[in-house]
Amino acid sequence: MDSVKKSFAFRLTVAWFALIIFFAVFGPLLPLPNWQEVFDDALSVTPLKQGHLLGTDSNGYDILSGIVYGARISLFISFTAVFLGGVIGSAIGISAAYVRGKYDYVVSTLFNVVLSVPNLVLSLALIAVLATNVDPNVPTSTGRRITVLVISLTIVIIPILGRIARAATLSWANREFVLAARSMGSKDRSIIWRHIVPNVLPAIFAVAFLAIGVVIVAEASLSLLGAGVPDGTSWGSMVARGRNDIEFAPHIIIIPLIFIALTVISCNYIGDVIRKQLDQRQAKL
């Protein structure tokens, strides 16, 4: 595993992920034009032309500025949804696997029911109910749309990470140190926090990276369907705004797609490395 961490692919993956986080955190400090500034004399400019590193779109917006600002929104949606889904799903999954009985049966059934519904269908249904005004002439605010997106994607993530937490808890609940703590009269809450949670967290952490990639793709897909963040605010909405220009200015849609693809690949690769390290750790126990 040390050789994997020292490999060029792993370093490149971490460097890319760190760059995206840097864009999201320090983007406003970079010497870039405002992402909403319109350059009327530079419409659909190709990369490296007229002072625009990644070019402009058909509306005159600088694509690099949009990418930097969109990183903040895309990562905020994905990190928040995965964090909330991980906390809620882990709490439910760990408690269900530890308590067992009818509670575990009900939780497993609910997880299976939610997972049986396609992610996009579930998110679209929630957005249609929660992010649509009664008056169709009144547009939904960006803040409300982002909030509903986070809620809907959190609901999607809860059973995914909940099942991982449940499975990991089942594998650790009957280990010798847990049985010893139980025989010594330790309370269930103490056993869960001191012995179960620390051993379950690595598995959750590994899958969480994969879930971040899933959420980024889901947000982009919802934007293409008109249910995501509007007005080019995120990477997905940049793709949605430029989809009609792909014939005469393909860079408008290709560039944000490249950032989405490389970020998702980085998340998957990092998650896979953590999972392999976890497998080696469990093999030694």
C-alpha atoms as a PDB file:
ATOM      1  CA  MET A   1       0.000   0.000   0.000  1.00  0.00           C
ATOM      2  CA  ASP A   2       2.908   2.365   0.639  1.00  0.00           C
ATOM      3  CA  SER A   3       3.988   1.802  -2.951  1.00  0.00           C
ATOM      4  CA  VAL A   4       0.487   2.789  -4.109  1.00  0.00           C
ATOM      5  CA  LYS A   5       0.611   6.011  -2.105  1.00  0.00           C
ATOM      6  CA  LYS A   6       4.003   6.822  -3.625  1.00  0.00           C
ATOM      7  CA  SER A   7       2.864   6.075  -7.174  1.00  0.00           C
ATOM      8  CA  PHE A   8       2.595   8.829  -9.748  1.00  0.00           C
ATOM      9  CA  ALA A   9      -1.110   8.139 -10.316  1.00  0.00           C
ATOM     10  CA  PHE A  10      -1.962   8.563  -6.644  1.00  0.00           C
ATOM     11  CA  ARG A  11       0.032  11.774  -6.328  1.00  0.00           C
ATOM     12  CA  LEU A  12      -1.541  13.146  -9.496  1.00  0.00           C
ATOM     13  CA  THR A  13      -5.009  12.257  -8.222  1.00  0.00           C
ATOM     14  CA  VAL A  14      -4.447  13.920  -4.856  1.00  0.00           C
ATOM     15  CA  ALA A  15      -2.935  16.976  -6.558  1.00  0.00           C
ATOM     16  CA  TRP A  16      -5.990  17.379  -8.796  1.00  0.00           C
ATOM     17  CA  PHE A  17      -8.402  16.995  -5.883  1.00  0.00           C
ATOM     18  CA  ALA A  18      -6.386  19.505  -3.861  1.00  0.00           C
ATOM     19  CA  LEU A  19      -6.491  21.944  -6.796  1.00  0.00           C
ATOM     20  CA  ILE A  20     -10.289  21.743  -6.980  1.00  0.00           C
ATOM     21  CA  ILE A  21     -10.571  22.321  -3.234  1.00  0.00           C
ATOM     22  CA  PHE A  22      -8.188  25.276  -3.616  1.00  0.00           C
ATOM     23  CA  PHE A  23     -10.474  26.735  -6.301  1.00  0.00           C
ATOM     24  CA  ALA A  24     -13.488  26.277  -4.062  1.00  0.00           C
ATOM     25  CA  VAL A  25     -11.890  27.859  -0.975  1.00  0.00           C
ATOM     26  CA  PHE A  26      -9.616  30.556  -2.407  1.00  0.00           C
ATOM     27  CA  GLY A  27     -11.337  31.229  -5.719  1.00  0.00           C
ATOM     28  CA  PRO A  28     -12.467  34.771  -4.775  1.00  0.00           C
ATOM     29  CA  LEU A  29      -8.826  35.719  -4.075  1.00  0.00           C
ATOM     30  CA  LEU A  30      -7.590  34.720  -7.523  1.00  0.00           C
ATOM     31  CA  PRO A  31      -6.995  37.467 -10.129  1.00  0.00           C
ATOM     32  CA  LEU A  32      -9.929  36.432 -12.310  1.00  0.00           C
ATOM     33  CA  PRO A  33     -12.872  38.398 -13.682  1.00  0.00           C
ATOM     34  CA  ASN A  34     -16.234  38.023 -12.015  1.00  0.00           C
ATOM     35  CA  TRP A  35     -17.926  34.859 -13.210  1.00  0.00           C
ATOM     36  CA  GLN A  36     -21.031  36.892 -14.099  1.00  0.00           C
ATOM     37  CA  GLU A  37     -19.142  39.599 -16.016  1.00  0.00           C
ATOM     38  CA  VAL A  38     -20.135  39.697 -19.683  1.00  0.00           C
ATOM     39  CA  PHE A  39     -17.492  40.324 -22.353  1.00  0.00           C
ATOM     40  CA  ASP A  40     -19.575  41.591 -25.273  1.00  0.00           C
ATOM     41  CA  ASP A  41     -16.540  41.759 -27.544  1.00  0.00           C
ATOM     42  CA  ALA A  42     -15.490  38.163 -26.804  1.00  0.00           C
ATOM     43  CA  LEU A  43     -18.365  35.771 -27.454  1.00  0.00           C
ATOM     44  CA  SER A  44     -17.575  32.039 -27.800  1.00  0.00           C
ATOM     45  CA  VAL A  45     -13.848  32.721 -27.743  1.00  0.00           C
ATOM     46  CA  THR A  46     -11.759  29.542 -27.890  1.00  0.00           C
ATOM     47  CA  PRO A  47      -9.185  28.811 -25.152  1.00  0.00           C
ATOM     48  CA  LEU A  48      -5.983  30.871 -25.024  1.00  0.00           C
ATOM     49  CA  LYS A  49      -7.506  33.652 -27.105  1.00  0.00           C
ATOM     50  CA  GLN A  50      -8.124  37.315 -26.258  1.00  0.00           C
ATOM     51  CA  GLY A  51      -6.844  36.968 -22.705  1.00  0.00           C
ATOM     52  CA  HIS A  52      -9.215  34.157 -21.715  1.00  0.00           C
ATOM     53  CA  LEU A  53      -7.295  31.046 -20.648  1.00  0.00           C
ATOM     54  CA  LEU A  54     -10.229  28.646 -21.147  1.00  0.00           C
ATOM     55  CA  GLY A  55     -12.185  30.874 -23.513  1.00  0.00           C
ATOM     56  CA  THR A  56     -15.688  32.266 -23.120  1.00  0.00           C
ATOM     57  CA  ASP A  57     -19.174  30.929 -23.758  1.00  0.00           C
ATOM     58  CA  SER A  58     -21.790  32.232 -26.171  1.00  0.00           C
ATOM     59  CA  ASN A  59     -23.010  34.747 -23.575  1.00  0.00           C
ATOM     60  CA  GLY A  60     -19.534  36.211 -23.056  1.00  0.00           C
ATOM     61  CA  TYR A  61     -18.871  34.665 -19.638  1.00  0.00           C
ATOM     62  CA  ASP A  62     -15.278  33.703 -18.844  1.00  0.00           C
ATOM     63  CA  ILE A  63     -15.197  29.895 -18.579  1.00  0.00           C
ATOM     64  CA  LEU A  64     -12.263  29.727 -16.148  1.00  0.00           C
ATOM     65  CA  SER A  65     -14.054  32.079 -13.745  1.00  0.00           C
ATOM     66  CA  GLY A  66     -17.154  29.912 -14.067  1.00  0.00           C
ATOM     67  CA  ILE A  67     -15.134  26.775 -13.359  1.00  0.00           C
ATOM     68  CA  VAL A  68     -13.547  28.303 -10.253  1.00  0.00           C
ATOM     69  CA  TYR A  69     -16.865  29.587  -8.909  1.00  0.00           C
ATOM     70  CA  GLY A  70     -18.698  26.405  -9.926  1.00  0.00           C
ATOM     71  CA  ALA A  71     -16.191  24.331  -7.949  1.00  0.00           C
ATOM     72  CA  ARG A  72     -17.449  26.002  -4.782  1.00  0.00           C
ATOM     73  CA  ILE A  73     -21.098  25.203  -5.490  1.00  0.00           C
ATOM     74  CA  SER A  74     -20.520  21.667  -6.833  1.00  0.00           C
ATOM     75  CA  LEU A  75     -18.260  20.707  -3.927  1.00  0.00           C
ATOM     76  CA  PHE A  76     -20.560  22.364  -1.398  1.00  0.00           C
ATOM     77  CA  ILE A  77     -23.536  20.357  -2.649  1.00  0.00           C
ATOM     78  CA  SER A  78     -21.591  17.085  -2.818  1.00  0.00           C
ATOM     79  CA  PHE A  79     -19.687  17.468   0.472  1.00  0.00           C
ATOM     80  CA  THR A  80     -22.765  18.600   2.393  1.00  0.00           C
ATOM     81  CA  ALA A  81     -24.998  15.856   1.004  1.00  0.00           C
ATOM     82  CA  VAL A  82     -22.388  13.160   1.656  1.00  0.00           C
ATOM     83  CA  PHE A  83     -21.599  14.471   5.141  1.00  0.00           C
ATOM     84  CA  LEU A  84     -25.243  14.658   6.210  1.00  0.00           C
ATOM     85  CA  GLY A  85     -26.061  11.364   4.517  1.00  0.00           C
ATOM     86  CA  GLY A  86     -23.026   9.749   6.131  1.00  0.00           C
ATOM     87  CA  VAL A  87     -23.839  10.976   9.633  1.00  0.00           C
ATOM     88  CA  ILE A  88     -27.527  10.052   9.456  1.00  0.00           C
ATOM     89  CA  GLY A  89     -27.011   6.810   7.536  1.00  0.00           C
ATOM     90  CA  SER A  90     -24.144   5.681   9.780  1.00  0.00           C
ATOM     91  CA  ALA A  91     -26.114   6.369  12.942  1.00  0.00           C
ATOM     92  CA  ILE A  92     -29.067   4.378  11.642  1.00  0.00           C
ATOM     93  CA  GLY A  93     -26.965   1.550  10.200  1.00  0.00           C
ATOM     94  CA  ILE A  94     -24.744   1.130  13.276  1.00  0.00           C
ATOM     95  CA  SER A  95     -27.665   1.192  15.692  1.00  0.00           C
ATOM     96  CA  ALA A  96     -29.644  -1.273  13.560  1.00  0.00           C
ATOM     97  CA  ALA A  97     -26.751  -3.747  13.319  1.00  0.00           C
ATOM     98  CA  TYR A  98     -26.008  -3.488  17.035  1.00  0.00           C
ATOM     99  CA  VAL A  99     -29.589  -3.746  18.292  1.00  0.00           C
ATOM    100  CA  ARG A 100     -30.771  -6.228  15.635  1.00  0.00           C
ATOM    101  CA  GLY A 101     -34.287  -7.678  15.879  1.00  0.00           C
ATOM    102  CA  LYS A 102     -37.317  -5.906  14.451  1.00  0.00           C
ATOM    103  CA  TYR A 103     -35.558  -2.555  14.353  1.00  0.00           C
ATOM    104  CA  ASP A 104     -32.850  -3.961  12.095  1.00  0.00           C
ATOM    105  CA  TYR A 105     -35.498  -5.558   9.877  1.00  0.00           C
ATOM    106  CA  VAL A 106     -37.416  -2.290   9.486  1.00  0.00           C
ATOM    107  CA  VAL A 107     -34.234  -0.310   8.762  1.00  0.00           C
ATOM    108  CA  SER A 108     -33.007  -2.841   6.192  1.00  0.00           C
ATOM    109  CA  THR A 109     -36.398  -2.819   4.489  1.00  0.00           C
ATOM    110  CA  LEU A 110     -36.460   0.980   4.307  1.00  0.00           C
ATOM    111  CA  PHE A 111     -32.931   1.067   2.918  1.00  0.00           C
ATOM    112  CA  ASN A 112     -33.878  -1.456   0.235  1.00  0.00           C
ATOM    113  CA  VAL A 113     -37.033   0.463  -0.672  1.00  0.00           C
ATOM    114  CA  VAL A 114     -35.181   3.757  -1.081  1.00  0.00           C
ATOM    115  CA  LEU A 115     -32.370   2.099  -3.040  1.00  0.00           C
ATOM    116  CA  SER A 116     -34.911   0.483  -5.365  1.00  0.00           C
ATOM    117  CA  VAL A 117     -35.957   3.942  -6.592  1.00  0.00           C
ATOM    118  CA  PRO A 118     -33.569   5.391  -9.217  1.00  0.00           C
ATOM    119  CA  ASN A 119     -31.555   8.258  -7.786  1.00  0.00           C
ATOM    120  CA  LEU A 120     -32.543  10.785 -10.430  1.00  0.00           C
ATOM    121  CA  VAL A 121     -36.223   9.899 -10.206  1.00  0.00           C
ATOM    122  CA  LEU A 122     -36.225  10.358  -6.437  1.00  0.00           C
ATOM    123  CA  SER A 123     -34.343  13.651  -6.664  1.00  0.00           C
ATOM    124  CA  LEU A 124     -36.595  14.937  -9.456  1.00  0.00           C
ATOM    125  CA  ALA A 125     -39.699  14.100  -7.421  1.00  0.00           C
ATOM    126  CA  LEU A 126     -38.400  15.924  -4.342  1.00  0.00           C
ATOM    127  CA  ILE A 127     -37.301  18.944  -6.377  1.00  0.00           C
ATOM    128  CA  ALA A 128     -40.667  19.085  -8.152  1.00  0.00           C
ATOM    129  CA  VAL A 129     -42.441  19.194  -4.785  1.00  0.00           C
ATOM    130  CA  LEU A 130     -40.091  21.351  -2.732  1.00  0.00           C
ATOM    131  CA  ALA A 131     -38.401  23.653  -5.273  1.00  0.00           C
ATOM    132  CA  THR A 132     -41.346  24.698  -7.429  1.00  0.00           C
ATOM    133  CA  ASN A 133     -43.394  27.807  -6.758  1.00  0.00           C
ATOM    134  CA  VAL A 134     -47.169  27.758  -7.006  1.00  0.00           C
ATOM    135  CA  ASP A 135     -46.942  30.609  -9.492  1.00  0.00           C
ATOM    136  CA  PRO A 136     -44.952  29.345 -12.500  1.00  0.00           C
ATOM    137  CA  ASN A 137     -44.053  32.928 -13.421  1.00  0.00           C
ATOM    138  CA  VAL A 138     -42.084  33.353 -10.195  1.00  0.00           C
ATOM    139  CA  PRO A 139     -38.627  31.772 -10.559  1.00  0.00           C
ATOM    140  CA  THR A 140     -37.223  29.670  -7.757  1.00  0.00           C
ATOM    141  CA  SER A 141     -34.297  31.298  -5.977  1.00  0.00           C
ATOM    142  CA  THR A 142     -30.858  29.768  -6.337  1.00  0.00           C
ATOM    143  CA  GLY A 143     -30.539  29.350  -2.572  1.00  0.00           C
ATOM    144  CA  ARG A 144     -33.781  27.422  -2.346  1.00  0.00           C
ATOM    145  CA  ARG A 145     -32.813  25.229  -5.300  1.00  0.00           C
ATOM    146  CA  ILE A 146     -29.430  24.427  -3.722  1.00  0.00           C
ATOM    147  CA  THR A 147     -31.090  23.621  -0.388  1.00  0.00           C
ATOM    148  CA  VAL A 148     -33.569  21.253  -2.028  1.00  0.00           C
ATOM    149  CA  LEU A 149     -30.775  19.653  -4.055  1.00  0.00           C
ATOM    150  CA  VAL A 150     -28.777  18.993  -0.876  1.00  0.00           C
ATOM    151  CA  ILE A 151     -31.833  17.527   0.879  1.00  0.00           C
ATOM    152  CA  SER A 152     -32.769  15.283  -2.049  1.00  0.00           C
ATOM    153  CA  LEU A 153     -29.207  14.034  -2.583  1.00  0.00           C
ATOM    154  CA  THR A 154     -28.790  13.490   1.164  1.00  0.00           C
ATOM    155  CA  ILE A 155     -31.832  11.211   1.115  1.00  0.00           C
ATOM    156  CA  VAL A 156     -30.212   9.316  -1.752  1.00  0.00           C
ATOM    157  CA  ILE A 157     -26.914   8.932   0.138  1.00  0.00           C
ATOM    158  CA  ILE A 158     -28.396   7.852   3.509  1.00  0.00           C
ATOM    159  CA  PRO A 159     -29.243   4.237   2.528  1.00  0.00           C
ATOM    160  CA  ILE A 160     -25.981   3.835   0.588  1.00  0.00           C
ATOM    161  CA  LEU A 161     -23.720   4.737   3.502  1.00  0.00           C
ATOM    162  CA  GLY A 162     -26.210   3.288   5.994  1.00  0.00           C
ATOM    163  CA  ARG A 163     -25.877  -0.170   4.477  1.00  0.00           C
ATOM    164  CA  ILE A 164     -22.082   0.113   4.525  1.00  0.00           C
ATOM    165  CA  ALA A 165     -22.176   1.111   8.200  1.00  0.00           C
ATOM    166  CA  ARG A 166     -24.562  -1.732   9.014  1.00  0.00           C
ATOM    167  CA  ALA A 167     -22.403  -4.331   7.252  1.00  0.00           C
ATOM    168  CA  ALA A 168     -19.218  -3.061   8.905  1.00  0.00           C
ATOM    169  CA  THR A 169     -20.889  -3.066  12.329  1.00  0.00           C
ATOM    170  CA  LEU A 170     -22.027  -6.661  11.878  1.00  0.00           C
ATOM    171  CA  SER A 171     -18.437  -7.680  11.173  1.00  0.00           C
ATOM    172  CA  TRP A 172     -17.092  -5.911  14.266  1.00  0.00           C
ATOM    173  CA  ALA A 173     -19.912  -6.428  16.792  1.00  0.00           C
ATOM    174  CA  ASN A 174     -18.880 -10.011  17.626  1.00  0.00           C
ATOM    175  CA  ARG A 175     -15.127  -9.414  17.871  1.00  0.00           C
ATOM    176  CA  GLU A 176     -13.360 -10.461  21.047  1.00  0.00           C
ATOM    177  CA  PHE A 177     -12.731  -6.942  22.357  1.00  0.00           C
ATOM    178  CA  VAL A 178     -16.407  -6.043  21.954  1.00  0.00           C
ATOM    179  CA  LEU A 179     -17.523  -9.211  23.755  1.00  0.00           C
ATOM    180  CA  ALA A 180     -14.970  -8.539  26.479  1.00  0.00           C
ATOM    181  CA  ALA A 181     -16.233  -4.989  26.973  1.00  0.00           C
ATOM    182  CA  ARG A 182     -19.804  -6.260  27.131  1.00  0.00           C
ATOM    183  CA  SER A 183     -18.905  -8.956  29.676  1.00  0.00           C
ATOM    184  CA  MET A 184     -17.222  -6.309  31.849  1.00  0.00           C
ATOM    185  CA  GLY A 185     -20.507  -4.447  32.098  1.00  0.00           C
ATOM    186  CA  SER A 186     -19.797  -1.590  29.690  1.00  0.00           C
ATOM    187  CA  LYS A 187     -22.891   0.232  28.517  1.00  0.00           C
ATOM    188  CA  ASP A 188     -24.015  -0.156  24.921  1.00  0.00           C
ATOM    189  CA  ARG A 189     -23.437   3.517  24.195  1.00  0.00           C
ATOM    190  CA  SER A 190     -19.867   3.259  25.467  1.00  0.00           C
ATOM    191  CA  ILE A 191     -19.215   0.101  23.414  1.00  0.00           C
ATOM    192  CA  ILE A 192     -20.556   1.723  20.248  1.00  0.00           C
ATOM    193  CA  TRP A 193     -18.547   4.930  20.632  1.00  0.00           C
ATOM    194  CA  ARG A 194     -15.292   3.359  21.840  1.00  0.00           C
ATOM    195  CA  HIS A 195     -15.153   0.094  19.903  1.00  0.00           C
ATOM    196  CA  ILE A 196     -17.623   0.079  17.007  1.00  0.00           C
ATOM    197  CA  VAL A 197     -17.525   3.597  15.572  1.00  0.00           C
ATOM    198  CA  PRO A 198     -13.693   3.904  15.295  1.00  0.00           C
ATOM    199  CA  ASN A 199     -13.556   0.638  13.346  1.00  0.00           C
ATOM    200  CA  VAL A 200     -16.545   1.434  11.113  1.00  0.00           C
ATOM    201  CA  LEU A 201     -15.436   4.955  10.178  1.00  0.00           C
ATOM    202  CA  PRO A 202     -12.673   3.868   7.745  1.00  0.00           C
ATOM    203  CA  ALA A 203     -15.189   1.910   5.661  1.00  0.00           C
ATOM    204  CA  ILE A 204     -17.580   4.887   5.668  1.00  0.00           C
ATOM    205  CA  PHE A 205     -14.740   7.220   4.756  1.00  0.00           C
ATOM    206  CA  ALA A 206     -13.723   5.058   1.796  1.00  0.00           C
ATOM    207  CA  VAL A 207     -17.238   4.870   0.376  1.00  0.00           C
ATOM    208  CA  ALA A 208     -17.796   8.575   1.087  1.00  0.00           C
ATOM    209  CA  PHE A 209     -15.229   9.493  -1.568  1.00  0.00           C
ATOM    210  CA  LEU A 210     -17.097   7.342  -4.070  1.00  0.00           C
ATOM    211  CA  ALA A 211     -20.353   8.987  -2.962  1.00  0.00           C
ATOM    212  CA  ILE A 212     -18.920  12.454  -3.609  1.00  0.00           C
ATOM    213  CA  GLY A 213     -18.354  11.472  -7.231  1.00  0.00           C
ATOM    214  CA  VAL A 214     -21.884  10.071  -7.441  1.00  0.00           C
ATOM    215  CA  VAL A 215     -23.372  13.318  -6.130  1.00  0.00           C
ATOM    216  CA  ILE A 216     -21.340  15.468  -8.545  1.00  0.00           C
ATOM    217  CA  VAL A 217     -22.610  13.419 -11.478  1.00  0.00           C
ATOM    218  CA  ALA A 218     -26.166  13.448 -10.105  1.00  0.00           C
ATOM    219  CA  GLU A 219     -26.122  17.237  -9.750  1.00  0.00           C
ATOM    220  CA  ALA A 220     -24.863  17.619 -13.316  1.00  0.00           C
ATOM    221  CA  SER A 221     -27.540  15.233 -14.589  1.00  0.00           C
ATOM    222  CA  LEU A 222     -30.274  17.138 -12.757  1.00  0.00           C
ATOM    223  CA  SER A 223     -28.994  20.393 -14.248  1.00  0.00           C
ATOM    224  CA  LEU A 224     -29.207  18.926 -17.737  1.00  0.00           C
ATOM    225  CA  LEU A 225     -32.801  17.974 -16.985  1.00  0.00           C
ATOM    226  CA  GLY A 226     -33.540  21.517 -15.861  1.00  0.00           C
ATOM    227  CA  ALA A 227     -33.885  20.641 -12.184  1.00  0.00           C
ATOM    228  CA  GLY A 228     -30.426  21.556 -10.950  1.00  0.00           C
ATOM    229  CA  VAL A 229     -28.792  24.835  -9.983  1.00  0.00           C
ATOM    230  CA  PRO A 230     -29.739  27.533 -12.545  1.00  0.00           C
ATOM    231  CA  ASP A 231     -27.737  30.144 -14.482  1.00  0.00           C
ATOM    232  CA  GLY A 232     -24.370  28.396 -14.761  1.00  0.00           C
ATOM    233  CA  THR A 233     -23.785  28.501 -11.012  1.00  0.00           C
ATOM    234  CA  SER A 234     -22.295  24.981 -10.833  1.00  0.00           C
ATOM    235  CA  TRP A 235     -20.356  22.776 -13.229  1.00  0.00           C
ATOM    236  CA  GLY A 236     -23.522  20.910 -14.118  1.00  0.00           C
ATOM    237  CA  SER A 237     -25.428  24.091 -14.883  1.00  0.00           C
ATOM    238  CA  MET A 238     -22.506  25.286 -17.040  1.00  0.00           C
ATOM    239  CA  VAL A 239     -22.925  22.145 -19.114  1.00  0.00           C
ATOM    240  CA  ALA A 240     -26.674  22.682 -19.255  1.00  0.00           C
ATOM    241  CA  ARG A 241     -26.292  26.308 -20.340  1.00  0.00           C
ATOM    242  CA  GLY A 242     -23.851  25.437 -23.097  1.00  0.00           C
ATOM    243  CA  ARG A 243     -25.485  22.280 -24.462  1.00  0.00           C
ATOM    244  CA  ASN A 244     -27.026  24.155 -27.401  1.00  0.00           C
ATOM    245  CA  ASP A 245     -23.636  25.557 -28.440  1.00  0.00           C
ATOM    246  CA  ILE A 246     -21.775  22.275 -28.777  1.00  0.00           C
ATOM    247  CA  GLU A 247     -22.004  22.283 -32.582  1.00  0.00           C
ATOM    248  CA  PHE A 248     -20.135  25.564 -33.220  1.00  0.00           C
ATOM    249  CA  ALA A 249     -18.312  26.034 -29.873  1.00  0.00           C
ATOM    250  CA  PRO A 250     -17.722  22.590 -28.328  1.00  0.00           C
ATOM    251  CA  HIS A 251     -15.228  23.901 -25.758  1.00  0.00           C
ATOM    252  CA  ILE A 252     -18.109  25.525 -23.863  1.00  0.00           C
ATOM    253  CA  ILE A 253     -19.432  22.127 -22.784  1.00  0.00           C
ATOM    254  CA  ILE A 254     -16.273  20.026 -23.064  1.00  0.00           C
ATOM    255  CA  ILE A 255     -14.245  22.017 -20.501  1.00  0.00           C
ATOM    256  CA  PRO A 256     -16.703  21.709 -17.568  1.00  0.00           C
ATOM    257  CA  LEU A 257     -17.246  18.060 -18.518  1.00  0.00           C
ATOM    258  CA  ILE A 258     -13.493  17.472 -18.251  1.00  0.00           C
ATOM    259  CA  PHE A 259     -13.435  19.023 -14.774  1.00  0.00           C
ATOM    260  CA  ILE A 260     -16.411  16.896 -13.708  1.00  0.00           C
ATOM    261  CA  ALA A 261     -14.864  13.710 -15.119  1.00  0.00           C
ATOM    262  CA  LEU A 262     -11.401  14.243 -13.607  1.00  0.00           C
ATOM    263  CA  THR A 263     -12.838  15.159 -10.211  1.00  0.00           C
ATOM    264  CA  VAL A 264     -15.083  12.084 -10.167  1.00  0.00           C
ATOM    265  CA  ILE A 265     -12.171   9.870 -11.252  1.00  0.00           C
ATOM    266  CA  SER A 266     -10.014  11.360  -8.484  1.00  0.00           C
ATOM    267  CA  CYS A 267     -12.684  10.700  -5.862  1.00  0.00           C
ATOM    268  CA  ASN A 268     -13.112   7.121  -7.047  1.00  0.00           C
ATOM    269  CA  TYR A 269      -9.366   6.480  -7.087  1.00  0.00           C
ATOM    270  CA  ILE A 270      -8.801   7.900  -3.601  1.00  0.00           C
ATOM    271  CA  GLY A 271     -11.756   5.916  -2.276  1.00  0.00           C
ATOM    272  CA  ASP A 272     -10.385   2.753  -3.877  1.00  0.00           C
ATOM    273  CA  VAL A 273      -6.959   3.293  -2.275  1.00  0.00           C
ATOM    274  CA  ILE A 274      -8.571   3.757   1.143  1.00  0.00           C
ATOM    275  CA  ARG A 275     -10.663   0.617   0.613  1.00  0.00           C
ATOM    276  CA  LYS A 276      -7.584  -1.459  -0.257  1.00  0.00           C
ATOM    277  CA  GLN A 277      -5.801  -0.166   2.812  1.00  0.00           C
ATOM    278  CA  LEU A 278      -8.843  -1.082   4.900  1.00  0.00           C
ATOM    279  CA  ASP A 279      -8.890  -4.605   3.457  1.00  0.00           C
ATOM    280  CA  GLN A 280      -5.224  -5.083   4.367  1.00  0.00           C
ATOM    281  CA  ARG A 281      -5.891  -3.764   7.884  1.00  0.00           C
ATOM    282  CA  GLN A 282      -8.775  -6.166   8.420  1.00  0.00           C
ATOM    283  CA  ALA A 283      -6.740  -9.075   7.032  1.00  0.00           C
ATOM    284  CA  LYS A 284      -4.129  -8.529   9.758  1.00  0.00           C
ATOM    285  CA  LEU A 285      -6.726  -8.619  12.559  1.00  0.00           C
END
